[in-house]
Amino acid sequence: MTITKERKAQVIDEFKQEQGDTGSPEVQIAVLTTRINNLTEHMRAHPKDYGTRRGLLALVSRRRRLLDYVRKLNPQRYLDIIGRLGIRK
């Protein structure tokens, strides 16, 4: 249910703004999206796993807060990140 180190490094490399960037909102949103997608697949196979459901909802809420921050900071960056990740508005 967690992502591997290699997959996380790949996502960070894809969304980083500059060398050594691991904490920008775009990177955090991308990593959270990867984790959310993995947990969503797990929930499809195990619909009664309520602990995972609670964790999934927490991740979605955290991603929503980061997306709201990016939208407030720079609306164009917001549109770019949701377009690249395929997230609904």
N, C-alpha and C. Protein backbone atom coordinates (compact mmCIF):
# COMPACT_ATOMS: atom_id res chain seq x y z
N MET A 1 0.81 -1.19 0.00
CA MET A 1 0.00 0.00 0.00
C MET A 1 0.85 1.25 0.00
N THR A 2 2.08 1.12 0.45
CA THR A 2 2.97 2.28 0.37
C THR A 2 3.71 2.23 -0.96
N ILE A 3 4.32 3.35 -1.30
CA ILE A 3 5.06 3.37 -2.55
C ILE A 3 6.52 3.04 -2.26
N THR A 4 7.18 2.45 -3.23
CA THR A 4 8.58 2.06 -3.05
C THR A 4 9.46 3.30 -3.13
N LYS A 5 10.69 3.14 -2.64
CA LYS A 5 11.65 4.24 -2.70
C LYS A 5 11.93 4.65 -4.14
N GLU A 6 12.01 3.66 -5.00
CA GLU A 6 12.30 3.95 -6.41
C GLU A 6 11.17 4.73 -7.06
N ARG A 7 9.92 4.32 -6.78
CA ARG A 7 8.77 5.01 -7.36
C ARG A 7 8.67 6.44 -6.82
N LYS A 8 8.92 6.61 -5.52
CA LYS A 8 8.88 7.94 -4.92
C LYS A 8 9.96 8.84 -5.52
N ALA A 9 11.16 8.31 -5.70
CA ALA A 9 12.24 9.08 -6.31
C ALA A 9 11.89 9.46 -7.74
N GLN A 10 11.25 8.56 -8.46
CA GLN A 10 10.84 8.84 -9.84
C GLN A 10 9.81 9.97 -9.87
N VAL A 11 8.85 9.95 -8.96
CA VAL A 11 7.83 11.00 -8.90
C VAL A 11 8.47 12.33 -8.53
N ILE A 12 9.39 12.31 -7.59
CA ILE A 12 10.06 13.55 -7.18
C ILE A 12 10.86 14.12 -8.34
N ASP A 13 11.59 13.27 -9.07
CA ASP A 13 12.36 13.75 -10.23
C ASP A 13 11.46 14.36 -11.29
N GLU A 14 10.27 13.82 -11.45
CA GLU A 14 9.35 14.31 -12.47
C GLU A 14 8.75 15.67 -12.12
N PHE A 15 8.53 15.94 -10.82
CA PHE A 15 7.81 17.14 -10.43
C PHE A 15 8.66 18.19 -9.70
N LYS A 16 9.96 17.93 -9.51
CA LYS A 16 10.78 18.90 -8.78
C LYS A 16 10.97 20.17 -9.59
N GLN A 17 11.12 21.28 -8.87
CA GLN A 17 11.29 22.59 -9.48
C GLN A 17 12.76 22.88 -9.77
N GLU A 18 13.62 22.38 -8.90
CA GLU A 18 15.07 22.59 -9.05
C GLU A 18 15.79 21.41 -8.42
N GLN A 19 17.09 21.38 -8.55
CA GLN A 19 17.90 20.29 -8.01
C GLN A 19 17.73 20.21 -6.49
N GLY A 20 17.47 19.04 -5.96
CA GLY A 20 17.36 18.86 -4.52
C GLY A 20 16.00 19.22 -3.96
N ASP A 21 15.04 19.49 -4.80
CA ASP A 21 13.70 19.89 -4.36
C ASP A 21 12.89 18.65 -4.01
N THR A 22 12.57 18.49 -2.72
CA THR A 22 11.73 17.38 -2.31
C THR A 22 10.51 17.85 -1.53
N GLY A 23 10.41 19.14 -1.26
CA GLY A 23 9.34 19.61 -0.38
C GLY A 23 8.44 20.65 -0.98
N SER A 24 8.59 20.98 -2.25
CA SER A 24 7.70 21.97 -2.85
C SER A 24 6.29 21.41 -2.90
N PRO A 25 5.29 22.26 -2.92
CA PRO A 25 3.91 21.77 -2.94
C PRO A 25 3.62 20.84 -4.11
N GLU A 26 4.21 21.11 -5.27
CA GLU A 26 3.98 20.25 -6.42
C GLU A 26 4.47 18.82 -6.18
N VAL A 27 5.66 18.70 -5.58
CA VAL A 27 6.22 17.39 -5.28
C VAL A 27 5.36 16.68 -4.25
N GLN A 28 4.96 17.40 -3.20
CA GLN A 28 4.14 16.79 -2.17
C GLN A 28 2.80 16.32 -2.73
N ILE A 29 2.19 17.13 -3.59
CA ILE A 29 0.91 16.76 -4.20
C ILE A 29 1.08 15.52 -5.07
N ALA A 30 2.18 15.46 -5.83
CA ALA A 30 2.41 14.31 -6.70
C ALA A 30 2.62 13.03 -5.90
N VAL A 31 3.37 13.10 -4.82
CA VAL A 31 3.61 11.92 -3.98
C VAL A 31 2.30 11.48 -3.33
N LEU A 32 1.53 12.45 -2.83
CA LEU A 32 0.24 12.11 -2.22
C LEU A 32 -0.70 11.47 -3.24
N THR A 33 -0.68 11.98 -4.47
CA THR A 33 -1.54 11.43 -5.51
C THR A 33 -1.16 9.98 -5.81
N THR A 34 0.11 9.68 -5.83
CA THR A 34 0.57 8.31 -6.05
C THR A 34 0.08 7.40 -4.93
N ARG A 35 0.21 7.86 -3.70
CA ARG A 35 -0.26 7.07 -2.56
C ARG A 35 -1.77 6.90 -2.59
N ILE A 36 -2.50 7.96 -2.95
CA ILE A 36 -3.96 7.90 -3.03
C ILE A 36 -4.39 6.88 -4.09
N ASN A 37 -3.72 6.90 -5.22
CA ASN A 37 -4.07 5.94 -6.28
C ASN A 37 -3.85 4.50 -5.83
N ASN A 38 -2.74 4.26 -5.11
CA ASN A 38 -2.48 2.90 -4.61
C ASN A 38 -3.54 2.47 -3.60
N LEU A 39 -3.91 3.37 -2.69
CA LEU A 39 -4.92 3.02 -1.70
C LEU A 39 -6.29 2.85 -2.32
N THR A 40 -6.58 3.59 -3.37
CA THR A 40 -7.86 3.44 -4.06
C THR A 40 -7.98 2.05 -4.66
N GLU A 41 -6.89 1.58 -5.28
CA GLU A 41 -6.90 0.22 -5.82
C GLU A 41 -7.08 -0.82 -4.71
N HIS A 42 -6.43 -0.60 -3.56
CA HIS A 42 -6.57 -1.50 -2.44
C HIS A 42 -8.02 -1.53 -1.95
N MET A 43 -8.66 -0.36 -1.91
CA MET A 43 -10.04 -0.28 -1.43
C MET A 43 -11.01 -0.98 -2.39
N ARG A 44 -10.70 -0.99 -3.67
CA ARG A 44 -11.55 -1.71 -4.62
C ARG A 44 -11.52 -3.22 -4.34
N ALA A 45 -10.37 -3.72 -3.93
CA ALA A 45 -10.24 -5.15 -3.63
C ALA A 45 -10.73 -5.49 -2.22
N HIS A 46 -10.64 -4.54 -1.30
CA HIS A 46 -11.01 -4.77 0.10
C HIS A 46 -11.95 -3.67 0.58
N PRO A 47 -13.22 -3.71 0.20
CA PRO A 47 -14.14 -2.61 0.50
C PRO A 47 -14.46 -2.43 1.98
N LYS A 48 -14.22 -3.42 2.81
CA LYS A 48 -14.54 -3.30 4.23
C LYS A 48 -13.34 -2.93 5.09
N ASP A 49 -12.26 -2.53 4.49
CA ASP A 49 -11.05 -2.14 5.22
C ASP A 49 -11.20 -0.68 5.66
N TYR A 50 -11.82 -0.51 6.82
CA TYR A 50 -12.17 0.84 7.26
C TYR A 50 -10.97 1.63 7.75
N GLY A 51 -9.94 0.96 8.23
CA GLY A 51 -8.72 1.67 8.63
C GLY A 51 -8.04 2.31 7.43
N THR A 52 -7.98 1.57 6.34
CA THR A 52 -7.41 2.11 5.11
C THR A 52 -8.27 3.25 4.57
N ARG A 53 -9.58 3.11 4.69
CA ARG A 53 -10.49 4.16 4.23
C ARG A 53 -10.23 5.47 4.98
N ARG A 54 -10.03 5.34 6.29
CA ARG A 54 -9.77 6.53 7.10
C ARG A 54 -8.45 7.19 6.69
N GLY A 55 -7.42 6.38 6.46
CA GLY A 55 -6.14 6.92 6.02
C GLY A 55 -6.24 7.55 4.64
N LEU A 56 -7.01 6.93 3.76
CA LEU A 56 -7.20 7.47 2.41
C LEU A 56 -7.88 8.83 2.46
N LEU A 57 -8.90 8.96 3.29
CA LEU A 57 -9.58 10.25 3.42
C LEU A 57 -8.66 11.32 3.99
N ALA A 58 -7.78 10.93 4.90
CA ALA A 58 -6.82 11.89 5.45
C ALA A 58 -5.84 12.37 4.37
N LEU A 59 -5.38 11.45 3.52
CA LEU A 59 -4.47 11.82 2.44
C LEU A 59 -5.16 12.74 1.43
N VAL A 60 -6.41 12.44 1.11
CA VAL A 60 -7.15 13.28 0.17
C VAL A 60 -7.32 14.69 0.75
N SER A 61 -7.61 14.77 2.05
CA SER A 61 -7.75 16.09 2.69
C SER A 61 -6.45 16.86 2.68
N ARG A 62 -5.34 16.18 2.93
CA ARG A 62 -4.04 16.85 2.93
C ARG A 62 -3.70 17.36 1.53
N ARG A 63 -3.99 16.54 0.50
CA ARG A 63 -3.74 16.98 -0.87
C ARG A 63 -4.62 18.16 -1.23
N ARG A 64 -5.86 18.16 -0.79
CA ARG A 64 -6.78 19.27 -1.07
C ARG A 64 -6.26 20.57 -0.47
N ARG A 65 -5.75 20.51 0.75
CA ARG A 65 -5.19 21.71 1.40
C ARG A 65 -3.99 22.24 0.61
N LEU A 66 -3.12 21.33 0.17
CA LEU A 66 -1.96 21.76 -0.62
C LEU A 66 -2.40 22.35 -1.96
N LEU A 67 -3.40 21.75 -2.60
CA LEU A 67 -3.89 22.29 -3.87
C LEU A 67 -4.52 23.67 -3.68
N ASP A 68 -5.25 23.86 -2.58
CA ASP A 68 -5.83 25.18 -2.30
C ASP A 68 -4.73 26.22 -2.09
N TYR A 69 -3.64 25.82 -1.41
CA TYR A 69 -2.51 26.72 -1.20
C TYR A 69 -1.88 27.13 -2.53
N VAL A 70 -1.65 26.16 -3.40
CA VAL A 70 -1.04 26.45 -4.70
C VAL A 70 -1.96 27.34 -5.53
N ARG A 71 -3.27 27.07 -5.48
CA ARG A 71 -4.21 27.87 -6.25
C ARG A 71 -4.21 29.32 -5.77
N LYS A 72 -4.11 29.52 -4.46
CA LYS A 72 -4.07 30.87 -3.90
C LYS A 72 -2.75 31.57 -4.27
N LEU A 73 -1.66 30.81 -4.25
CA LEU A 73 -0.34 31.36 -4.52
C LEU A 73 -0.16 31.71 -5.99
N ASN A 74 -0.53 30.76 -6.88
CA ASN A 74 -0.33 30.96 -8.31
C ASN A 74 -1.33 30.08 -9.07
N PRO A 75 -2.41 30.68 -9.57
CA PRO A 75 -3.45 29.88 -10.25
C PRO A 75 -2.95 29.09 -11.45
N GLN A 76 -1.96 29.59 -12.16
CA GLN A 76 -1.45 28.87 -13.33
C GLN A 76 -0.72 27.60 -12.92
N ARG A 77 0.06 27.66 -11.84
CA ARG A 77 0.74 26.46 -11.33
C ARG A 77 -0.29 25.42 -10.90
N TYR A 78 -1.40 25.89 -10.31
CA TYR A 78 -2.47 24.99 -9.91
C TYR A 78 -3.04 24.26 -11.11
N LEU A 79 -3.34 24.98 -12.16
CA LEU A 79 -3.90 24.36 -13.36
C LEU A 79 -2.90 23.39 -13.99
N ASP A 80 -1.62 23.75 -13.97
CA ASP A 80 -0.60 22.87 -14.52
C ASP A 80 -0.51 21.55 -13.74
N ILE A 81 -0.52 21.65 -12.41
CA ILE A 81 -0.34 20.44 -11.61
C ILE A 81 -1.56 19.52 -11.72
N ILE A 82 -2.76 20.06 -11.73
CA ILE A 82 -3.92 19.18 -11.84
C ILE A 82 -4.02 18.58 -13.24
N GLY A 83 -3.53 19.31 -14.23
CA GLY A 83 -3.51 18.77 -15.58
C GLY A 83 -2.52 17.64 -15.73
N ARG A 84 -1.33 17.80 -15.14
CA ARG A 84 -0.30 16.76 -15.24
C ARG A 84 -0.68 15.50 -14.47
N LEU A 85 -1.39 15.68 -13.36
CA LEU A 85 -1.74 14.53 -12.52
C LEU A 85 -3.10 13.94 -12.87
N GLY A 86 -3.89 14.66 -13.65
CA GLY A 86 -5.21 14.16 -14.01
C GLY A 86 -6.20 14.22 -12.87
N ILE A 87 -6.10 15.27 -12.05
CA ILE A 87 -7.00 15.45 -10.92
C ILE A 87 -8.15 16.34 -11.34
N ARG A 88 -9.34 16.04 -10.86
CA ARG A 88 -10.47 16.91 -11.13
C ARG A 88 -10.34 18.20 -10.32
N LYS A 89 -10.99 19.24 -10.79
CA LYS A 89 -10.97 20.52 -10.05
C LYS A 89 -11.78 20.42 -8.79
